[in-house]
PDB file of N, CA and C in Angstrom:
ATOM      1  N   MET A   1       0.460  19.318  -3.979  1.00  0.00           N
ATOM      2  CA  MET A   1      -0.877  18.863  -3.597  1.00  0.00           C
ATOM      3  C   MET A   1      -1.907  19.969  -3.774  1.00  0.00           C
ATOM      4  N   ILE A   2      -1.556  21.214  -3.458  1.00  0.00           N
ATOM      5  CA  ILE A   2      -2.539  22.291  -3.516  1.00  0.00           C
ATOM      6  C   ILE A   2      -3.093  22.459  -4.921  1.00  0.00           C
ATOM      7  N   GLY A   3      -2.265  22.309  -5.962  1.00  0.00           N
ATOM      8  CA  GLY A   3      -2.743  22.431  -7.327  1.00  0.00           C
ATOM      9  C   GLY A   3      -3.779  21.388  -7.692  1.00  0.00           C
ATOM     10  N   LYS A   4      -3.714  20.225  -7.039  1.00  0.00           N
ATOM     11  CA  LYS A   4      -4.673  19.154  -7.316  1.00  0.00           C
ATOM     12  C   LYS A   4      -5.948  19.303  -6.494  1.00  0.00           C
ATOM     13  N   MET A   5      -5.933  20.172  -5.519  1.00  0.00           N
ATOM     14  CA  MET A   5      -7.119  20.385  -4.687  1.00  0.00           C
ATOM     15  C   MET A   5      -8.033  21.369  -5.412  1.00  0.00           C
ATOM     16  N   ASP A   6      -8.686  20.860  -6.468  1.00  0.00           N
ATOM     17  CA  ASP A   6      -9.466  21.724  -7.342  1.00  0.00           C
ATOM     18  C   ASP A   6     -10.964  21.412  -7.335  1.00  0.00           C
ATOM     19  N   GLN A   7     -11.414  20.611  -6.369  1.00  0.00           N
ATOM     20  CA  GLN A   7     -12.823  20.246  -6.278  1.00  0.00           C
ATOM     21  C   GLN A   7     -13.402  20.778  -4.972  1.00  0.00           C
ATOM     22  N   ARG A   8     -14.556  21.415  -5.055  1.00  0.00           N
ATOM     23  CA  ARG A   8     -15.229  21.934  -3.870  1.00  0.00           C
ATOM     24  C   ARG A   8     -16.140  20.830  -3.342  1.00  0.00           C
ATOM     25  N   ILE A   9     -15.971  20.468  -2.068  1.00  0.00           N
ATOM     26  CA  ILE A   9     -16.837  19.476  -1.439  1.00  0.00           C
ATOM     27  C   ILE A   9     -17.584  20.142  -0.290  1.00  0.00           C
ATOM     28  N   THR A  10     -18.616  19.471   0.213  1.00  0.00           N
ATOM     29  CA  THR A  10     -19.358  19.965   1.370  1.00  0.00           C
ATOM     30  C   THR A  10     -19.298  18.908   2.459  1.00  0.00           C
ATOM     31  N   LEU A  11     -18.943  19.318   3.673  1.00  0.00           N
ATOM     32  CA  LEU A  11     -18.866  18.423   4.820  1.00  0.00           C
ATOM     33  C   LEU A  11     -20.130  18.593   5.650  1.00  0.00           C
ATOM     34  N   GLN A  12     -20.793  17.479   5.958  1.00  0.00           N
ATOM     35  CA  GLN A  12     -22.059  17.539   6.689  1.00  0.00           C
ATOM     36  C   GLN A  12     -22.045  16.596   7.884  1.00  0.00           C
ATOM     37  N   ARG A  13     -22.877  16.947   8.870  1.00  0.00           N
ATOM     38  CA  ARG A  13     -23.050  16.141  10.078  1.00  0.00           C
ATOM     39  C   ARG A  13     -24.540  15.945  10.333  1.00  0.00           C
ATOM     40  N   LYS A  14     -24.899  14.756  10.804  1.00  0.00           N
ATOM     41  CA  LYS A  14     -26.295  14.470  11.136  1.00  0.00           C
ATOM     42  C   LYS A  14     -26.642  15.191  12.434  1.00  0.00           C
ATOM     43  N   THR A  15     -27.744  15.927  12.424  1.00  0.00           N
ATOM     44  CA  THR A  15     -28.175  16.674  13.599  1.00  0.00           C
ATOM     45  C   THR A  15     -29.623  16.343  13.922  1.00  0.00           C
ATOM     46  N   ALA A  16     -29.983  16.506  15.185  1.00  0.00           N
ATOM     47  CA  ALA A  16     -31.364  16.300  15.623  1.00  0.00           C
ATOM     48  C   ALA A  16     -32.070  17.651  15.596  1.00  0.00           C
ATOM     49  N   MET A  17     -33.269  17.663  15.012  1.00  0.00           N
ATOM     50  CA  MET A  17     -34.030  18.901  14.903  1.00  0.00           C
ATOM     51  C   MET A  17     -35.466  18.648  15.350  1.00  0.00           C
ATOM     52  N   ALA A  18     -36.083  19.667  15.934  1.00  0.00           N
ATOM     53  CA  ALA A  18     -37.499  19.560  16.309  1.00  0.00           C
ATOM     54  C   ALA A  18     -38.334  19.470  15.043  1.00  0.00           C
ATOM     55  N   ASP A  19     -39.322  18.569  15.047  1.00  0.00           N
ATOM     56  CA  ASP A  19     -40.145  18.386  13.847  1.00  0.00           C
ATOM     57  C   ASP A  19     -41.408  19.241  13.843  1.00  0.00           C
ATOM     58  N   GLY A  20     -41.603  20.068  14.868  1.00  0.00           N
ATOM     59  CA  GLY A  20     -42.757  20.960  14.919  1.00  0.00           C
ATOM     60  C   GLY A  20     -43.991  20.307  15.510  1.00  0.00           C
ATOM     61  N   ALA A  21     -43.923  19.002  15.772  1.00  0.00           N
ATOM     62  CA  ALA A  21     -45.063  18.300  16.355  1.00  0.00           C
ATOM     63  C   ALA A  21     -44.692  17.686  17.701  1.00  0.00           C
ATOM     64  N   GLY A  22     -43.628  18.215  18.312  1.00  0.00           N
ATOM     65  CA  GLY A  22     -43.205  17.730  19.616  1.00  0.00           C
ATOM     66  C   GLY A  22     -42.184  16.602  19.555  1.00  0.00           C
ATOM     67  N   GLY A  23     -41.815  16.178  18.369  1.00  0.00           N
ATOM     68  CA  GLY A  23     -40.838  15.101  18.220  1.00  0.00           C
ATOM     69  C   GLY A  23     -39.520  15.620  17.680  1.00  0.00           C
ATOM     70  N   ILE A  24     -38.661  14.677  17.406  1.00  0.00           N
ATOM     71  CA  ILE A  24     -37.333  15.019  16.889  1.00  0.00           C
ATOM     72  C   ILE A  24     -37.118  14.249  15.593  1.00  0.00           C
ATOM     73  N   THR A  25     -36.518  14.914  14.644  1.00  0.00           N
ATOM     74  CA  THR A  25     -36.156  14.259  13.393  1.00  0.00           C
ATOM     75  C   THR A  25     -34.679  14.523  13.123  1.00  0.00           C
ATOM     76  N   GLU A  26     -34.046  13.599  12.419  1.00  0.00           N
ATOM     77  CA  GLU A  26     -32.640  13.779  12.085  1.00  0.00           C
ATOM     78  C   GLU A  26     -32.518  14.339  10.678  1.00  0.00           C
ATOM     79  N   ALA A  27     -31.567  15.238  10.512  1.00  0.00           N
ATOM     80  CA  ALA A  27     -31.319  15.849   9.204  1.00  0.00           C
ATOM     81  C   ALA A  27     -29.822  16.127   9.086  1.00  0.00           C
ATOM     82  N   TRP A  28     -29.351  16.238   7.868  1.00  0.00           N
ATOM     83  CA  TRP A  28     -27.951  16.569   7.626  1.00  0.00           C
ATOM     84  C   TRP A  28     -27.809  18.071   7.524  1.00  0.00           C
ATOM     85  N   ALA A  29     -26.763  18.612   8.172  1.00  0.00           N
ATOM     86  CA  ALA A  29     -26.478  20.052   8.125  1.00  0.00           C
ATOM     87  C   ALA A  29     -24.983  20.242   7.871  1.00  0.00           C
ATOM     88  N   ASN A  30     -24.638  21.320   7.192  1.00  0.00           N
ATOM     89  CA  ASN A  30     -23.228  21.624   6.933  1.00  0.00           C
ATOM     90  C   ASN A  30     -22.492  21.859   8.253  1.00  0.00           C
ATOM     91  N   LEU A  31     -21.225  21.463   8.305  1.00  0.00           N
ATOM     92  CA  LEU A  31     -20.414  21.743   9.485  1.00  0.00           C
ATOM     93  C   LEU A  31     -20.368  23.249   9.706  1.00  0.00           C
ATOM     94  N   ALA A  32     -20.240  23.638  10.957  1.00  0.00           N
ATOM     95  CA  ALA A  32     -20.279  25.063  11.299  1.00  0.00           C
ATOM     96  C   ALA A  32     -19.053  25.823  10.795  1.00  0.00           C
ATOM     97  N   THR A  33     -17.889  25.198  10.809  1.00  0.00           N
ATOM     98  CA  THR A  33     -16.654  25.862  10.409  1.00  0.00           C
ATOM     99  C   THR A  33     -16.174  25.334   9.068  1.00  0.00           C
ATOM    100  N   ASN A  34     -15.993  26.212   8.113  1.00  0.00           N
ATOM    101  CA  ASN A  34     -15.485  25.878   6.780  1.00  0.00           C
ATOM    102  C   ASN A  34     -16.126  24.600   6.217  1.00  0.00           C
ATOM    103  N   PRO A  35     -17.421  24.613   5.970  1.00  0.00           N
ATOM    104  CA  PRO A  35     -18.094  23.402   5.484  1.00  0.00           C
ATOM    105  C   PRO A  35     -17.807  23.069   4.022  1.00  0.00           C
ATOM    106  N   ARG A  36     -17.173  23.987   3.262  1.00  0.00           N
ATOM    107  CA  ARG A  36     -16.944  23.742   1.829  1.00  0.00           C
ATOM    108  C   ARG A  36     -15.474  23.886   1.469  1.00  0.00           C
ATOM    109  N   PRO A  37     -14.638  22.970   1.951  1.00  0.00           N
ATOM    110  CA  PRO A  37     -13.206  23.067   1.634  1.00  0.00           C
ATOM    111  C   PRO A  37     -12.908  22.587   0.215  1.00  0.00           C
ATOM    112  N   TRP A  38     -11.721  22.953  -0.259  1.00  0.00           N
ATOM    113  CA  TRP A  38     -11.217  22.422  -1.520  1.00  0.00           C
ATOM    114  C   TRP A  38     -10.620  21.055  -1.256  1.00  0.00           C
ATOM    115  N   ALA A  39     -10.740  20.158  -2.230  1.00  0.00           N
ATOM    116  CA  ALA A  39     -10.244  18.788  -2.053  1.00  0.00           C
ATOM    117  C   ALA A  39      -9.636  18.269  -3.346  1.00  0.00           C
ATOM    118  N   ALA A  40      -8.693  17.353  -3.175  1.00  0.00           N
ATOM    119  CA  ALA A  40      -8.215  16.538  -4.292  1.00  0.00           C
ATOM    120  C   ALA A  40      -9.050  15.262  -4.227  1.00  0.00           C
ATOM    121  N   VAL A  41      -9.606  14.845  -5.348  1.00  0.00           N
ATOM    122  CA  VAL A  41     -10.511  13.686  -5.382  1.00  0.00           C
ATOM    123  C   VAL A  41      -9.907  12.605  -6.271  1.00  0.00           C
ATOM    124  N   THR A  42      -9.836  11.385  -5.727  1.00  0.00           N
ATOM    125  CA  THR A  42      -9.287  10.253  -6.461  1.00  0.00           C
ATOM    126  C   THR A  42     -10.253   9.079  -6.376  1.00  0.00           C
ATOM    127  N   ALA A  43     -10.717   8.610  -7.528  1.00  0.00           N
ATOM    128  CA  ALA A  43     -11.581   7.430  -7.560  1.00  0.00           C
ATOM    129  C   ALA A  43     -10.748   6.200  -7.243  1.00  0.00           C
ATOM    130  N   LYS A  44     -11.302   5.285  -6.432  1.00  0.00           N
ATOM    131  CA  LYS A  44     -10.549   4.091  -6.055  1.00  0.00           C
ATOM    132  C   LYS A  44     -11.134   2.826  -6.663  1.00  0.00           C
ATOM    133  N   ALA A  45     -12.341   2.440  -6.246  1.00  0.00           N
ATOM    134  CA  ALA A  45     -12.887   1.168  -6.718  1.00  0.00           C
ATOM    135  C   ALA A  45     -14.398   1.159  -6.590  1.00  0.00           C
ATOM    136  N   GLY A  46     -15.031   0.424  -7.480  1.00  0.00           N
ATOM    137  CA  GLY A  46     -16.470   0.250  -7.425  1.00  0.00           C
ATOM    138  C   GLY A  46     -16.805  -1.219  -7.440  1.00  0.00           C
ATOM    139  N   ARG A  47     -18.014  -1.554  -7.004  1.00  0.00           N
ATOM    140  CA  ARG A  47     -18.459  -2.944  -7.055  1.00  0.00           C
ATOM    141  C   ARG A  47     -19.986  -2.997  -7.061  1.00  0.00           C
ATOM    142  N   GLU A  48     -20.488  -4.109  -7.518  1.00  0.00           N
ATOM    143  CA  GLU A  48     -21.927  -4.357  -7.519  1.00  0.00           C
ATOM    144  C   GLU A  48     -22.193  -5.647  -6.762  1.00  0.00           C
ATOM    145  N   GLY A  49     -23.373  -5.728  -6.172  1.00  0.00           N
ATOM    146  CA  GLY A  49     -23.750  -6.939  -5.462  1.00  0.00           C
ATOM    147  C   GLY A  49     -25.228  -6.920  -5.157  1.00  0.00           C
ATOM    148  N   MET A  50     -25.732  -8.086  -4.802  1.00  0.00           N
ATOM    149  CA  MET A  50     -27.140  -8.210  -4.439  1.00  0.00           C
ATOM    150  C   MET A  50     -27.303  -7.976  -2.940  1.00  0.00           C
ATOM    151  N   THR A  51     -28.222  -7.104  -2.581  1.00  0.00           N
ATOM    152  CA  THR A  51     -28.562  -6.842  -1.190  1.00  0.00           C
ATOM    153  C   THR A  51     -30.071  -6.848  -1.074  1.00  0.00           C
ATOM    154  N   GLU A  52     -30.579  -7.749  -0.260  1.00  0.00           N
ATOM    155  CA  GLU A  52     -32.020  -7.871  -0.040  1.00  0.00           C
ATOM    156  C   GLU A  52     -32.775  -7.995  -1.352  1.00  0.00           C
ATOM    157  N   GLY A  53     -32.233  -8.787  -2.275  1.00  0.00           N
ATOM    158  CA  GLY A  53     -32.908  -9.074  -3.535  1.00  0.00           C
ATOM    159  C   GLY A  53     -32.812  -7.996  -4.598  1.00  0.00           C
ATOM    160  N   ARG A  54     -31.974  -6.992  -4.388  1.00  0.00           N
ATOM    161  CA  ARG A  54     -31.831  -5.958  -5.413  1.00  0.00           C
ATOM    162  C   ARG A  54     -30.354  -5.665  -5.649  1.00  0.00           C
ATOM    163  N   MET A  55     -30.030  -5.222  -6.850  1.00  0.00           N
ATOM    164  CA  MET A  55     -28.663  -4.904  -7.221  1.00  0.00           C
ATOM    165  C   MET A  55     -28.262  -3.564  -6.607  1.00  0.00           C
ATOM    166  N   VAL A  56     -27.118  -3.545  -5.945  1.00  0.00           N
ATOM    167  CA  VAL A  56     -26.616  -2.338  -5.306  1.00  0.00           C
ATOM    168  C   VAL A  56     -25.193  -2.098  -5.804  1.00  0.00           C
ATOM    169  N   ALA A  57     -24.910  -0.885  -6.237  1.00  0.00           N
ATOM    170  CA  ALA A  57     -23.577  -0.508  -6.680  1.00  0.00           C
ATOM    171  C   ALA A  57     -22.982   0.479  -5.684  1.00  0.00           C
ATOM    172  N   THR A  58     -21.746   0.244  -5.271  1.00  0.00           N
ATOM    173  CA  THR A  58     -21.046   1.158  -4.375  1.00  0.00           C
ATOM    174  C   THR A  58     -19.748   1.602  -5.037  1.00  0.00           C
ATOM    175  N   PHE A  59     -19.230   2.727  -4.577  1.00  0.00           N
ATOM    176  CA  PHE A  59     -18.002   3.258  -5.156  1.00  0.00           C
ATOM    177  C   PHE A  59     -17.207   3.948  -4.059  1.00  0.00           C
ATOM    178  N   VAL A  60     -15.918   3.621  -3.944  1.00  0.00           N
ATOM    179  CA  VAL A  60     -15.042   4.203  -2.935  1.00  0.00           C
ATOM    180  C   VAL A  60     -14.193   5.297  -3.583  1.00  0.00           C
ATOM    181  N   THR A  61     -14.106   6.437  -2.914  1.00  0.00           N
ATOM    182  CA  THR A  61     -13.351   7.590  -3.397  1.00  0.00           C
ATOM    183  C   THR A  61     -12.505   8.131  -2.259  1.00  0.00           C
ATOM    184  N   THR A  62     -11.312   8.621  -2.587  1.00  0.00           N
ATOM    185  CA  THR A  62     -10.445   9.260  -1.597  1.00  0.00           C
ATOM    186  C   THR A  62     -10.496  10.770  -1.788  1.00  0.00           C
ATOM    187  N   PHE A  63     -10.723  11.473  -0.692  1.00  0.00           N
ATOM    188  CA  PHE A  63     -10.745  12.933  -0.678  1.00  0.00           C
ATOM    189  C   PHE A  63      -9.583  13.403   0.190  1.00  0.00           C
ATOM    190  N   THR A  64      -8.769  14.314  -0.315  1.00  0.00           N
ATOM    191  CA  THR A  64      -7.667  14.879   0.455  1.00  0.00           C
ATOM    192  C   THR A  64      -7.971  16.354   0.680  1.00  0.00           C
ATOM    193  N   ILE A  65      -7.997  16.751   1.963  1.00  0.00           N
ATOM    194  CA  ILE A  65      -8.293  18.139   2.327  1.00  0.00           C
ATOM    195  C   ILE A  65      -7.231  18.626   3.315  1.00  0.00           C
ATOM    196  N   HIS A  66      -7.222  19.928   3.561  1.00  0.00           N
ATOM    197  CA  HIS A  66      -6.332  20.471   4.584  1.00  0.00           C
ATOM    198  C   HIS A  66      -6.745  19.929   5.946  1.00  0.00           C
ATOM    199  N   ASN A  67      -5.767  19.714   6.804  1.00  0.00           N
ATOM    200  CA  ASN A  67      -6.000  19.120   8.115  1.00  0.00           C
ATOM    201  C   ASN A  67      -6.994  19.949   8.936  1.00  0.00           C
ATOM    202  N   ARG A  68      -7.843  19.243   9.650  1.00  0.00           N
ATOM    203  CA  ARG A  68      -8.808  19.847  10.569  1.00  0.00           C
ATOM    204  C   ARG A  68      -9.136  18.811  11.627  1.00  0.00           C
ATOM    205  N   ASP A  69      -9.643  19.244  12.786  1.00  0.00           N
ATOM    206  CA  ASP A  69      -9.893  18.290  13.866  1.00  0.00           C
ATOM    207  C   ASP A  69     -11.379  18.086  14.177  1.00  0.00           C
ATOM    208  N   ASP A  70     -12.255  18.653  13.363  1.00  0.00           N
ATOM    209  CA  ASP A  70     -13.691  18.558  13.661  1.00  0.00           C
ATOM    210  C   ASP A  70     -14.430  17.540  12.801  1.00  0.00           C
ATOM    211  N   LEU A  71     -13.736  16.722  12.036  1.00  0.00           N
ATOM    212  CA  LEU A  71     -14.371  15.771  11.133  1.00  0.00           C
ATOM    213  C   LEU A  71     -14.266  14.362  11.712  1.00  0.00           C
ATOM    214  N   THR A  72     -15.365  13.578  11.648  1.00  0.00           N
ATOM    215  CA  THR A  72     -15.359  12.211  12.158  1.00  0.00           C
ATOM    216  C   THR A  72     -15.935  11.259  11.115  1.00  0.00           C
ATOM    217  N   GLU A  73     -15.850   9.971  11.411  1.00  0.00           N
ATOM    218  CA  GLU A  73     -16.397   8.955  10.519  1.00  0.00           C
ATOM    219  C   GLU A  73     -17.932   8.936  10.518  1.00  0.00           C
ATOM    220  N   LEU A  74     -18.559   9.692  11.400  1.00  0.00           N
ATOM    221  CA  LEU A  74     -20.024   9.794  11.420  1.00  0.00           C
ATOM    222  C   LEU A  74     -20.531  10.863  10.461  1.00  0.00           C
ATOM    223  N   ASP A  75     -19.619  11.684   9.947  1.00  0.00           N
ATOM    224  CA  ASP A  75     -19.980  12.752   9.022  1.00  0.00           C
ATOM    225  C   ASP A  75     -20.042  12.217   7.591  1.00  0.00           C
ATOM    226  N   ARG A  76     -20.412  13.084   6.654  1.00  0.00           N
ATOM    227  CA  ARG A  76     -20.432  12.689   5.249  1.00  0.00           C
ATOM    228  C   ARG A  76     -19.920  13.826   4.380  1.00  0.00           C
ATOM    229  N   ILE A  77     -19.625  13.458   3.130  1.00  0.00           N
ATOM    230  CA  ILE A  77     -19.168  14.411   2.122  1.00  0.00           C
ATOM    231  C   ILE A  77     -20.199  14.447   1.011  1.00  0.00           C
ATOM    232  N   VAL A  78     -20.513  15.641   0.539  1.00  0.00           N
ATOM    233  CA  VAL A  78     -21.356  15.791  -0.646  1.00  0.00           C
ATOM    234  C   VAL A  78     -20.456  16.339  -1.745  1.00  0.00           C
ATOM    235  N   TRP A  79     -20.391  15.628  -2.860  1.00  0.00           N
ATOM    236  CA  TRP A  79     -19.559  16.051  -3.989  1.00  0.00           C
ATOM    237  C   TRP A  79     -20.277  15.677  -5.280  1.00  0.00           C
ATOM    238  N   GLY A  80     -20.394  16.622  -6.165  1.00  0.00           N
ATOM    239  CA  GLY A  80     -21.043  16.370  -7.452  1.00  0.00           C
ATOM    240  C   GLY A  80     -22.492  15.938  -7.312  1.00  0.00           C
ATOM    241  N   GLY A  81     -23.161  16.412  -6.271  1.00  0.00           N
ATOM    242  CA  GLY A  81     -24.563  16.058  -6.063  1.00  0.00           C
ATOM    243  C   GLY A  81     -24.774  14.674  -5.474  1.00  0.00           C
ATOM    244  N   GLU A  82     -23.697  13.989  -5.099  1.00  0.00           N
ATOM    245  CA  GLU A  82     -23.772  12.637  -4.527  1.00  0.00           C
ATOM    246  C   GLU A  82     -23.299  12.666  -3.076  1.00  0.00           C
ATOM    247  N   ASN A  83     -23.892  11.804  -2.244  1.00  0.00           N
ATOM    248  CA  ASN A  83     -23.494  11.691  -0.843  1.00  0.00           C
ATOM    249  C   ASN A  83     -22.484  10.561  -0.688  1.00  0.00           C
ATOM    250  N   TYR A  84     -21.404  10.843   0.050  1.00  0.00           N
ATOM    251  CA  TYR A  84     -20.344   9.869   0.318  1.00  0.00           C
ATOM    252  C   TYR A  84     -20.221   9.707   1.825  1.00  0.00           C
ATOM    253  N   ASN A  85     -20.459   8.495   2.321  1.00  0.00           N
ATOM    254  CA  ASN A  85     -20.321   8.215   3.741  1.00  0.00           C
ATOM    255  C   ASN A  85     -18.846   7.998   4.067  1.00  0.00           C
ATOM    256  N   ILE A  86     -18.357   8.712   5.064  1.00  0.00           N
ATOM    257  CA  ILE A  86     -16.951   8.615   5.443  1.00  0.00           C
ATOM    258  C   ILE A  86     -16.718   7.283   6.135  1.00  0.00           C
ATOM    259  N   ARG A  87     -15.775   6.497   5.604  1.00  0.00           N
ATOM    260  CA  ARG A  87     -15.445   5.183   6.160  1.00  0.00           C
ATOM    261  C   ARG A  87     -14.169   5.212   6.972  1.00  0.00           C
ATOM    262  N   GLY A  88     -13.275   6.140   6.667  1.00  0.00           N
ATOM    263  CA  GLY A  88     -12.027   6.225   7.416  1.00  0.00           C
ATOM    264  C   GLY A  88     -11.329   7.543   7.156  1.00  0.00           C
ATOM    265  N   ILE A  89     -10.668   8.052   8.195  1.00  0.00           N
ATOM    266  CA  ILE A  89      -9.903   9.288   8.090  1.00  0.00           C
ATOM    267  C   ILE A  89      -8.486   8.974   8.556  1.00  0.00           C
ATOM    268  N   ARG A  90      -7.526   9.150   7.665  1.00  0.00           N
ATOM    269  CA  ARG A  90      -6.131   8.900   8.015  1.00  0.00           C
ATOM    270  C   ARG A  90      -5.563  10.167   8.636  1.00  0.00           C
ATOM    271  N   ARG A  91      -5.334  10.081   9.949  1.00  0.00           N
ATOM    272  CA  ARG A  91      -4.771  11.200  10.706  1.00  0.00           C
ATOM    273  C   ARG A  91      -3.348  10.826  11.095  1.00  0.00           C
ATOM    274  N   MET A  92      -2.409  11.630  10.677  1.00  0.00           N
ATOM    275  CA  MET A  92      -1.007  11.359  10.970  1.00  0.00           C
ATOM    276  C   MET A  92      -0.509  12.171  12.166  1.00  0.00           C
ATOM    277  N   GLY A  93      -1.324  13.060  12.674  1.00  0.00           N
ATOM    278  CA  GLY A  93      -0.918  13.915  13.787  1.00  0.00           C
ATOM    279  C   GLY A  93      -1.351  15.343  13.535  1.00  0.00           C
ATOM    280  N   ALA A  94      -1.322  16.146  14.575  1.00  0.00           N
ATOM    281  CA  ALA A  94      -1.814  17.519  14.492  1.00  0.00           C
ATOM    282  C   ALA A  94      -0.956  18.402  13.591  1.00  0.00           C
ATOM    283  N   ARG A  95       0.285  18.016  13.352  1.00  0.00           N
ATOM    284  CA  ARG A  95       1.186  18.860  12.561  1.00  0.00           C
ATOM    285  C   ARG A  95       1.125  18.564  11.074  1.00  0.00           C
ATOM    286  N   GLU A  96       0.410  17.539  10.688  1.00  0.00           N
ATOM    287  CA  GLU A  96       0.301  17.192   9.270  1.00  0.00           C
ATOM    288  C   GLU A  96      -0.528  18.235   8.532  1.00  0.00           C
ATOM    289  N   LEU A  97      -0.234  18.421   7.256  1.00  0.00           N
ATOM    290  CA  LEU A  97      -0.937  19.422   6.469  1.00  0.00           C
ATOM    291  C   LEU A  97      -2.272  18.935   5.914  1.00  0.00           C
ATOM    292  N   PHE A  98      -2.403  17.627   5.692  1.00  0.00           N
ATOM    293  CA  PHE A  98      -3.583  17.111   4.995  1.00  0.00           C
ATOM    294  C   PHE A  98      -4.234  15.958   5.747  1.00  0.00           C
ATOM    295  N   LEU A  99      -5.516  15.761   5.472  1.00  0.00           N
ATOM    296  CA  LEU A  99      -6.265  14.578   5.896  1.00  0.00           C
ATOM    297  C   LEU A  99      -6.586  13.773   4.655  1.00  0.00           C
ATOM    298  N   ILE A 100      -6.450  12.466   4.747  1.00  0.00           N
ATOM    299  CA  ILE A 100      -6.831  11.562   3.661  1.00  0.00           C
ATOM    300  C   ILE A 100      -8.119  10.877   4.135  1.00  0.00           C
ATOM    301  N   ILE A 101      -9.210  11.088   3.395  1.00  0.00           N
ATOM    302  CA  ILE A 101     -10.523  10.568   3.776  1.00  0.00           C
ATOM    303  C   ILE A 101     -10.981   9.544   2.754  1.00  0.00           C
ATOM    304  N   GLU A 102     -11.331   8.357   3.225  1.00  0.00           N
ATOM    305  CA  GLU A 102     -11.904   7.359   2.334  1.00  0.00           C
ATOM    306  C   GLU A 102     -13.410   7.357   2.560  1.00  0.00           C
ATOM    307  N   ALA A 103     -14.162   7.519   1.479  1.00  0.00           N
ATOM    308  CA  ALA A 103     -15.616   7.606   1.583  1.00  0.00           C
ATOM    309  C   ALA A 103     -16.271   6.739   0.527  1.00  0.00           C
ATOM    310  N   GLU A 104     -17.494   6.307   0.812  1.00  0.00           N
ATOM    311  CA  GLU A 104     -18.197   5.382  -0.073  1.00  0.00           C
ATOM    312  C   GLU A 104     -19.555   5.941  -0.469  1.00  0.00           C
ATOM    313  N   ARG A 105     -19.840   5.838  -1.758  1.00  0.00           N
ATOM    314  CA  ARG A 105     -21.118   6.283  -2.303  1.00  0.00           C
ATOM    315  C   ARG A 105     -21.957   5.044  -2.620  1.00  0.00           C
ATOM    316  N   GLY A 106     -23.263   5.160  -2.421  1.00  0.00           N
ATOM    317  CA  GLY A 106     -24.145   4.074  -2.806  1.00  0.00           C
ATOM    318  C   GLY A 106     -24.583   3.196  -1.650  1.00  0.00           C
ATOM    319  N   VAL A 107     -24.254   3.593  -0.427  1.00  0.00           N
ATOM    320  CA  VAL A 107     -24.680   2.833   0.753  1.00  0.00           C
ATOM    321  C   VAL A 107     -25.344   3.783   1.738  1.00  0.00           C
ATOM    322  N   ALA A 108     -26.273   3.264   2.494  1.00  0.00           N
ATOM    323  CA  ALA A 108     -26.939   4.080   3.511  1.00  0.00           C
ATOM    324  C   ALA A 108     -26.052   4.200   4.733  1.00  0.00           C
ATOM    325  N   GLN A 109     -26.198   5.309   5.439  1.00  0.00           N
ATOM    326  CA  GLN A 109     -25.421   5.483   6.659  1.00  0.00           C
ATOM    327  C   GLN A 109     -26.302   5.280   7.848  1.00  0.00           C
TER     328      GLN A 109
END
C-alpha cells in the first residue's frame, strides 16, 4: 500500500473567523496536525444530473491514508486543485494502519 500512496492531499476543516467588522465568517483552514499526508487515490464513479435547472456533474473518489483520529465527515480534501467533500470514513479500529475515505467532488458542503 505504501508504494501506491504517491499523491499529496490537503486535509481541511471549516473554521469560524472574525471578519473585522464585528461578525463571524466561515473559512476553510488546514488541519493543525499533518495537514498534507500522502494518499493512494482511486477514482470510483461520476454522474451528471439536473439540479435547480442546471447540469451538475459529481465524481466520487477513494483516498487511502495512514490512520489518524482527527478527521471527520465534516472535513474536506483538496487534491489536484479540486475540493472533495468527505462522505464517509471507514474506520476499522485504532490498531488499523489505514483509513479509507470516500469523498465527492462537484457538490457544495
